Amino acid sequence: EGEVSGGGSTITQQVAKNLFLWPGRSVVRKG
């Protein structure tokens, strides 16, 4: 709907991102 939200990330998802992935938003990273 074009609204900006927090992305629905849990603490566990943020651990996954912080440990192994990269900052920023992308469909690939979320996948």
ModelCIF file with pLDDT and N, C-alpha, C, O atoms, coordinates in Angstrom:
data_MODEL
#
_entry.id   MODEL 
#
_entity.id                         1 
_entity.type                       polymer 
_entity.pdbx_number_of_molecules   1 
#
_entity_poly.entity_id                      1 
_entity_poly.type                           'polypeptide(L)' 
_entity_poly.nstd_linkage                   no 
_entity_poly.nstd_monomer                   no 
_entity_poly.pdbx_seq_one_letter_code       EGEVSGGGSTITQQVAKNLFLWPGRSVVRKG 
_entity_poly.pdbx_seq_one_letter_code_can   EGEVSGGGSTITQQVAKNLFLWPGRSVVRKG 
_entity_poly.pdbx_strand_id                 A 
#
loop_
_entity_poly_seq.entity_id 
_entity_poly_seq.num 
_entity_poly_seq.mon_id 
_entity_poly_seq.hetero 
1 1  GLU n 
1 2  GLY n 
1 3  GLU n 
1 4  VAL n 
1 5  SER n 
1 6  GLY n 
1 7  GLY n 
1 8  GLY n 
1 9  SER n 
1 10 THR n 
1 11 ILE n 
1 12 THR n 
1 13 GLN n 
1 14 GLN n 
1 15 VAL n 
1 16 ALA n 
1 17 LYS n 
1 18 ASN n 
1 19 LEU n 
1 20 PHE n 
1 21 LEU n 
1 22 TRP n 
1 23 PRO n 
1 24 GLY n 
1 25 ARG n 
1 26 SER n 
1 27 VAL n 
1 28 VAL n 
1 29 ARG n 
1 30 LYS n 
1 31 GLY n 
#
_struct_asym.id          A 
_struct_asym.entity_id   1 
#
loop_
_ma_qa_metric.id 
_ma_qa_metric.mode 
_ma_qa_metric.name 
_ma_qa_metric.software_group_id 
_ma_qa_metric.type 
1 global pLDDT . pLDDT 
2 local  pLDDT . pLDDT 
#
_ma_qa_metric_global.metric_id      1 
_ma_qa_metric_global.metric_value   82.10 
_ma_qa_metric_global.model_id       1 
_ma_qa_metric_global.ordinal_id     1 
#
loop_
_ma_qa_metric_local.label_asym_id 
_ma_qa_metric_local.label_comp_id 
_ma_qa_metric_local.label_seq_id 
_ma_qa_metric_local.metric_id 
_ma_qa_metric_local.metric_value 
_ma_qa_metric_local.model_id 
_ma_qa_metric_local.ordinal_id 
A GLU 1  2 55.00 1 1  
A GLY 2  2 54.00 1 2  
A GLU 3  2 53.00 1 3  
A VAL 4  2 49.00 1 4  
A SER 5  2 51.00 1 5  
A GLY 6  2 56.00 1 6  
A GLY 7  2 57.00 1 7  
A GLY 8  2 73.00 1 8  
A SER 9  2 90.00 1 9  
A THR 10 2 96.00 1 10 
A ILE 11 2 97.00 1 11 
A THR 12 2 98.00 1 12 
A GLN 13 2 97.00 1 13 
A GLN 14 2 96.00 1 14 
A VAL 15 2 98.00 1 15 
A ALA 16 2 97.00 1 16 
A LYS 17 2 96.00 1 17 
A ASN 18 2 96.00 1 18 
A LEU 19 2 96.00 1 19 
A PHE 20 2 95.00 1 20 
A LEU 21 2 92.00 1 21 
A TRP 22 2 86.00 1 22 
A PRO 23 2 82.00 1 23 
A GLY 24 2 78.00 1 24 
A ARG 25 2 79.00 1 25 
A SER 26 2 82.00 1 26 
A VAL 27 2 87.00 1 27 
A VAL 28 2 89.00 1 28 
A ARG 29 2 90.00 1 29 
A LYS 30 2 89.00 1 30 
A GLY 31 2 91.00 1 31 
#
loop_
_atom_site.group_PDB 
_atom_site.id 
_atom_site.type_symbol 
_atom_site.label_atom_id 
_atom_site.label_alt_id 
_atom_site.label_comp_id 
_atom_site.label_asym_id 
_atom_site.label_entity_id 
_atom_site.label_seq_id 
_atom_site.pdbx_PDB_ins_code 
_atom_site.Cartn_x 
_atom_site.Cartn_y 
_atom_site.Cartn_z 
_atom_site.occupancy 
_atom_site.B_iso_or_equiv 
_atom_site.pdbx_formal_charge 
_atom_site.auth_seq_id 
_atom_site.auth_comp_id 
_atom_site.auth_asym_id 
_atom_site.auth_atom_id 
_atom_site.pdbx_PDB_model_num 
ATOM 1   N N  . GLU A 1 1  ? 0.812  -1.214  0.000  1.00 55.00 ? 1  GLU A N  1 
ATOM 2   C CA . GLU A 1 1  ? 0.000  0.000   0.000  1.00 55.00 ? 1  GLU A CA 1 
ATOM 3   C C  . GLU A 1 1  ? 0.847  1.266   0.000  1.00 55.00 ? 1  GLU A C  1 
ATOM 4   O O  . GLU A 1 1  ? 0.324  2.378   0.082  1.00 55.00 ? 1  GLU A O  1 
ATOM 5   N N  . GLY A 1 2  ? 2.156  1.084   -0.093 1.00 54.00 ? 2  GLY A N  1 
ATOM 6   C CA . GLY A 1 2  ? 3.057  2.232   -0.156 1.00 54.00 ? 2  GLY A CA 1 
ATOM 7   C C  . GLY A 1 2  ? 3.385  2.853   1.175  1.00 54.00 ? 2  GLY A C  1 
ATOM 8   O O  . GLY A 1 2  ? 3.917  3.961   1.226  1.00 54.00 ? 2  GLY A O  1 
ATOM 9   N N  . GLU A 1 3  ? 3.077  2.158   2.262  1.00 53.00 ? 3  GLU A N  1 
ATOM 10  C CA . GLU A 1 3  ? 3.356  2.684   3.590  1.00 53.00 ? 3  GLU A CA 1 
ATOM 11  C C  . GLU A 1 3  ? 4.695  2.164   4.081  1.00 53.00 ? 3  GLU A C  1 
ATOM 12  O O  . GLU A 1 3  ? 5.090  1.041   3.765  1.00 53.00 ? 3  GLU A O  1 
ATOM 13  N N  . VAL A 1 4  ? 5.394  2.989   4.860  1.00 49.00 ? 4  VAL A N  1 
ATOM 14  C CA . VAL A 1 4  ? 6.678  2.603   5.442  1.00 49.00 ? 4  VAL A CA 1 
ATOM 15  C C  . VAL A 1 4  ? 6.422  1.982   6.805  1.00 49.00 ? 4  VAL A C  1 
ATOM 16  O O  . VAL A 1 4  ? 5.730  2.565   7.640  1.00 49.00 ? 4  VAL A O  1 
ATOM 17  N N  . SER A 1 5  ? 6.979  0.801   7.029  1.00 51.00 ? 5  SER A N  1 
ATOM 18  C CA . SER A 1 5  ? 6.824  0.137   8.321  1.00 51.00 ? 5  SER A CA 1 
ATOM 19  C C  . SER A 1 5  ? 8.178  -0.364  8.781  1.00 51.00 ? 5  SER A C  1 
ATOM 20  O O  . SER A 1 5  ? 9.183  -0.210  8.087  1.00 51.00 ? 5  SER A O  1 
ATOM 21  N N  . GLY A 1 6  ? 8.191  -0.967  9.965  1.00 56.00 ? 6  GLY A N  1 
ATOM 22  C CA . GLY A 1 6  ? 9.442  -1.467  10.521 1.00 56.00 ? 6  GLY A CA 1 
ATOM 23  C C  . GLY A 1 6  ? 9.944  -2.727  9.872  1.00 56.00 ? 6  GLY A C  1 
ATOM 24  O O  . GLY A 1 6  ? 11.056 -3.163  10.170 1.00 56.00 ? 6  GLY A O  1 
ATOM 25  N N  . GLY A 1 7  ? 9.167  -3.333  8.991  1.00 57.00 ? 7  GLY A N  1 
ATOM 26  C CA . GLY A 1 7  ? 9.624  -4.514  8.284  1.00 57.00 ? 7  GLY A CA 1 
ATOM 27  C C  . GLY A 1 7  ? 9.225  -5.825  8.929  1.00 57.00 ? 7  GLY A C  1 
ATOM 28  O O  . GLY A 1 7  ? 9.424  -6.885  8.336  1.00 57.00 ? 7  GLY A O  1 
ATOM 29  N N  . GLY A 1 8  ? 8.661  -5.780  10.141 1.00 73.00 ? 8  GLY A N  1 
ATOM 30  C CA . GLY A 1 8  ? 8.185  -6.995  10.782 1.00 73.00 ? 8  GLY A CA 1 
ATOM 31  C C  . GLY A 1 8  ? 9.292  -7.921  11.238 1.00 73.00 ? 8  GLY A C  1 
ATOM 32  O O  . GLY A 1 8  ? 9.036  -9.104  11.463 1.00 73.00 ? 8  GLY A O  1 
ATOM 33  N N  . SER A 1 9  ? 10.524 -7.427  11.385 1.00 90.00 ? 9  SER A N  1 
ATOM 34  C CA . SER A 1 9  ? 11.646 -8.286  11.758 1.00 90.00 ? 9  SER A CA 1 
ATOM 35  C C  . SER A 1 9  ? 11.646 -8.578  13.254 1.00 90.00 ? 9  SER A C  1 
ATOM 36  O O  . SER A 1 9  ? 11.450 -7.681  14.074 1.00 90.00 ? 9  SER A O  1 
ATOM 37  N N  . THR A 1 10 ? 11.868 -9.833  13.593 1.00 96.00 ? 10 THR A N  1 
ATOM 38  C CA . THR A 1 10 ? 12.020 -10.234 14.986 1.00 96.00 ? 10 THR A CA 1 
ATOM 39  C C  . THR A 1 10 ? 13.465 -10.010 15.428 1.00 96.00 ? 10 THR A C  1 
ATOM 40  O O  . THR A 1 10 ? 14.335 -9.711  14.609 1.00 96.00 ? 10 THR A O  1 
ATOM 41  N N  . ILE A 1 11 ? 13.710 -10.156 16.721 1.00 97.00 ? 11 ILE A N  1 
ATOM 42  C CA . ILE A 1 11 ? 15.077 -10.092 17.221 1.00 97.00 ? 11 ILE A CA 1 
ATOM 43  C C  . ILE A 1 11 ? 15.918 -11.180 16.573 1.00 97.00 ? 11 ILE A C  1 
ATOM 44  O O  . ILE A 1 11 ? 17.082 -10.949 16.243 1.00 97.00 ? 11 ILE A O  1 
ATOM 45  N N  . THR A 1 12 ? 15.346 -12.354 16.389 1.00 98.00 ? 12 THR A N  1 
ATOM 46  C CA . THR A 1 12 ? 16.082 -13.456 15.763 1.00 98.00 ? 12 THR A CA 1 
ATOM 47  C C  . THR A 1 12 ? 16.445 -13.134 14.326 1.00 98.00 ? 12 THR A C  1 
ATOM 48  O O  . THR A 1 12 ? 17.553 -13.440 13.887 1.00 98.00 ? 12 THR A O  1 
ATOM 49  N N  . GLN A 1 13 ? 15.531 -12.521 13.583 1.00 97.00 ? 13 GLN A N  1 
ATOM 50  C CA . GLN A 1 13 ? 15.849 -12.090 12.225 1.00 97.00 ? 13 GLN A CA 1 
ATOM 51  C C  . GLN A 1 13 ? 16.970 -11.054 12.220 1.00 97.00 ? 13 GLN A C  1 
ATOM 52  O O  . GLN A 1 13 ? 17.844 -11.074 11.354 1.00 97.00 ? 13 GLN A O  1 
ATOM 53  N N  . GLN A 1 14 ? 16.935 -10.158 13.189 1.00 96.00 ? 14 GLN A N  1 
ATOM 54  C CA . GLN A 1 14 ? 17.981 -9.147  13.252 1.00 96.00 ? 14 GLN A CA 1 
ATOM 55  C C  . GLN A 1 14 ? 19.334 -9.767  13.595 1.00 96.00 ? 14 GLN A C  1 
ATOM 56  O O  . GLN A 1 14 ? 20.372 -9.298  13.126 1.00 96.00 ? 14 GLN A O  1 
ATOM 57  N N  . VAL A 1 15 ? 19.324 -10.815 14.410 1.00 98.00 ? 15 VAL A N  1 
ATOM 58  C CA . VAL A 1 15 ? 20.565 -11.546 14.676 1.00 98.00 ? 15 VAL A CA 1 
ATOM 59  C C  . VAL A 1 15 ? 21.069 -12.195 13.395 1.00 98.00 ? 15 VAL A C  1 
ATOM 60  O O  . VAL A 1 15 ? 22.263 -12.138 13.102 1.00 98.00 ? 15 VAL A O  1 
ATOM 61  N N  . ALA A 1 16 ? 20.173 -12.812 12.629 1.00 97.00 ? 16 ALA A N  1 
ATOM 62  C CA . ALA A 1 16 ? 20.563 -13.428 11.358 1.00 97.00 ? 16 ALA A CA 1 
ATOM 63  C C  . ALA A 1 16 ? 21.168 -12.395 10.419 1.00 97.00 ? 16 ALA A C  1 
ATOM 64  O O  . ALA A 1 16 ? 22.210 -12.632 9.808  1.00 97.00 ? 16 ALA A O  1 
ATOM 65  N N  . LYS A 1 17 ? 20.508 -11.252 10.309 1.00 96.00 ? 17 LYS A N  1 
ATOM 66  C CA . LYS A 1 17 ? 21.007 -10.184 9.441  1.00 96.00 ? 17 LYS A CA 1 
ATOM 67  C C  . LYS A 1 17 ? 22.347 -9.657  9.932  1.00 96.00 ? 17 LYS A C  1 
ATOM 68  O O  . LYS A 1 17 ? 23.295 -9.528  9.157  1.00 96.00 ? 17 LYS A O  1 
ATOM 69  N N  . ASN A 1 18 ? 22.420 -9.354  11.227 1.00 96.00 ? 18 ASN A N  1 
ATOM 70  C CA . ASN A 1 18 ? 23.637 -8.745  11.759 1.00 96.00 ? 18 ASN A CA 1 
ATOM 71  C C  . ASN A 1 18 ? 24.837 -9.686  11.687 1.00 96.00 ? 18 ASN A C  1 
ATOM 72  O O  . ASN A 1 18 ? 25.953 -9.244  11.411 1.00 96.00 ? 18 ASN A O  1 
ATOM 73  N N  . LEU A 1 19 ? 24.621 -10.970 11.931 1.00 96.00 ? 19 LEU A N  1 
ATOM 74  C CA . LEU A 1 19 ? 25.730 -11.914 11.925 1.00 96.00 ? 19 LEU A CA 1 
ATOM 75  C C  . LEU A 1 19 ? 26.198 -12.271 10.516 1.00 96.00 ? 19 LEU A C  1 
ATOM 76  O O  . LEU A 1 19 ? 27.398 -12.373 10.262 1.00 96.00 ? 19 LEU A O  1 
ATOM 77  N N  . PHE A 1 20 ? 25.248 -12.460 9.603  1.00 95.00 ? 20 PHE A N  1 
ATOM 78  C CA . PHE A 1 20 ? 25.603 -13.117 8.352  1.00 95.00 ? 20 PHE A CA 1 
ATOM 79  C C  . PHE A 1 20 ? 25.267 -12.338 7.076  1.00 95.00 ? 20 PHE A C  1 
ATOM 80  O O  . PHE A 1 20 ? 25.790 -12.658 6.008  1.00 95.00 ? 20 PHE A O  1 
ATOM 81  N N  . LEU A 1 21 ? 24.414 -11.333 7.169  1.00 92.00 ? 21 LEU A N  1 
ATOM 82  C CA . LEU A 1 21 ? 23.936 -10.685 5.953  1.00 92.00 ? 21 LEU A CA 1 
ATOM 83  C C  . LEU A 1 21 ? 24.386 -9.229  5.914  1.00 92.00 ? 21 LEU A C  1 
ATOM 84  O O  . LEU A 1 21 ? 25.470 -8.913  6.405  1.00 92.00 ? 21 LEU A O  1 
ATOM 85  N N  . TRP A 1 22 ? 23.602 -8.357  5.356  1.00 86.00 ? 22 TRP A N  1 
ATOM 86  C CA . TRP A 1 22 ? 24.015 -6.977  5.163  1.00 86.00 ? 22 TRP A CA 1 
ATOM 87  C C  . TRP A 1 22 ? 22.862 -6.042  5.512  1.00 86.00 ? 22 TRP A C  1 
ATOM 88  O O  . TRP A 1 22 ? 21.701 -6.447  5.464  1.00 86.00 ? 22 TRP A O  1 
ATOM 89  N N  . PRO A 1 23 ? 23.175 -4.784  5.865  1.00 82.00 ? 23 PRO A N  1 
ATOM 90  C CA . PRO A 1 23 ? 22.107 -3.833  6.205  1.00 82.00 ? 23 PRO A CA 1 
ATOM 91  C C  . PRO A 1 23 ? 21.345 -3.374  4.972  1.00 82.00 ? 23 PRO A C  1 
ATOM 92  O O  . PRO A 1 23 ? 21.712 -3.682  3.838  1.00 82.00 ? 23 PRO A O  1 
ATOM 93  N N  . GLY A 1 24 ? 20.276 -2.632  5.223  1.00 78.00 ? 24 GLY A N  1 
ATOM 94  C CA . GLY A 1 24 ? 19.451 -2.161  4.107  1.00 78.00 ? 24 GLY A CA 1 
ATOM 95  C C  . GLY A 1 24 ? 18.323 -3.125  3.827  1.00 78.00 ? 24 GLY A C  1 
ATOM 96  O O  . GLY A 1 24 ? 18.303 -4.248  4.331  1.00 78.00 ? 24 GLY A O  1 
ATOM 97  N N  . ARG A 1 25 ? 17.387 -2.674  3.019  1.00 79.00 ? 25 ARG A N  1 
ATOM 98  C CA . ARG A 1 25 ? 16.211 -3.485  2.700  1.00 79.00 ? 25 ARG A CA 1 
ATOM 99  C C  . ARG A 1 25 ? 16.298 -4.029  1.289  1.00 79.00 ? 25 ARG A C  1 
ATOM 100 O O  . ARG A 1 25 ? 16.600 -3.295  0.347  1.00 79.00 ? 25 ARG A O  1 
ATOM 101 N N  . SER A 1 26 ? 16.032 -5.311  1.146  1.00 82.00 ? 26 SER A N  1 
ATOM 102 C CA . SER A 1 26 ? 15.952 -5.912  -0.180 1.00 82.00 ? 26 SER A CA 1 
ATOM 103 C C  . SER A 1 26 ? 15.190 -7.220  -0.063 1.00 82.00 ? 26 SER A C  1 
ATOM 104 O O  . SER A 1 26 ? 15.212 -7.868  0.983  1.00 82.00 ? 26 SER A O  1 
ATOM 105 N N  . VAL A 1 27 ? 14.526 -7.600  -1.126 1.00 87.00 ? 27 VAL A N  1 
ATOM 106 C CA . VAL A 1 27 ? 13.779 -8.853  -1.141 1.00 87.00 ? 27 VAL A CA 1 
ATOM 107 C C  . VAL A 1 27 ? 14.729 -10.035 -1.019 1.00 87.00 ? 27 VAL A C  1 
ATOM 108 O O  . VAL A 1 27 ? 14.409 -11.028 -0.365 1.00 87.00 ? 27 VAL A O  1 
ATOM 109 N N  . VAL A 1 28 ? 15.899 -9.931  -1.649 1.00 89.00 ? 28 VAL A N  1 
ATOM 110 C CA . VAL A 1 28 ? 16.873 -11.020 -1.607 1.00 89.00 ? 28 VAL A CA 1 
ATOM 111 C C  . VAL A 1 28 ? 17.338 -11.260 -0.174 1.00 89.00 ? 28 VAL A C  1 
ATOM 112 O O  . VAL A 1 28 ? 17.362 -12.395 0.300  1.00 89.00 ? 28 VAL A O  1 
ATOM 113 N N  . ARG A 1 29 ? 17.710 -10.162 0.518  1.00 90.00 ? 29 ARG A N  1 
ATOM 114 C CA . ARG A 1 29 ? 18.182 -10.325 1.890  1.00 90.00 ? 29 ARG A CA 1 
ATOM 115 C C  . ARG A 1 29 ? 17.097 -10.904 2.780  1.00 90.00 ? 29 ARG A C  1 
ATOM 116 O O  . ARG A 1 29 ? 17.366 -11.772 3.610  1.00 90.00 ? 29 ARG A O  1 
ATOM 117 N N  . LYS A 1 30 ? 15.869 -10.423 2.609  1.00 89.00 ? 30 LYS A N  1 
ATOM 118 C CA . LYS A 1 30 ? 14.769 -10.929 3.426  1.00 89.00 ? 30 LYS A CA 1 
ATOM 119 C C  . LYS A 1 30 ? 14.529 -12.409 3.140  1.00 89.00 ? 30 LYS A C  1 
ATOM 120 O O  . LYS A 1 30 ? 14.223 -13.177 4.053  1.00 89.00 ? 30 LYS A O  1 
ATOM 121 N N  . GLY A 1 31 ? 14.666 -12.808 1.887  1.00 91.00 ? 31 GLY A N  1 
ATOM 122 C CA . GLY A 1 31 ? 14.500 -14.209 1.531  1.00 91.00 ? 31 GLY A CA 1 
ATOM 123 C C  . GLY A 1 31 ? 15.551 -15.102 2.167  1.00 91.00 ? 31 GLY A C  1 
ATOM 124 O O  . GLY A 1 31 ? 15.539 -16.315 1.958  1.00 91.00 ? 31 GLY A O  1 
#
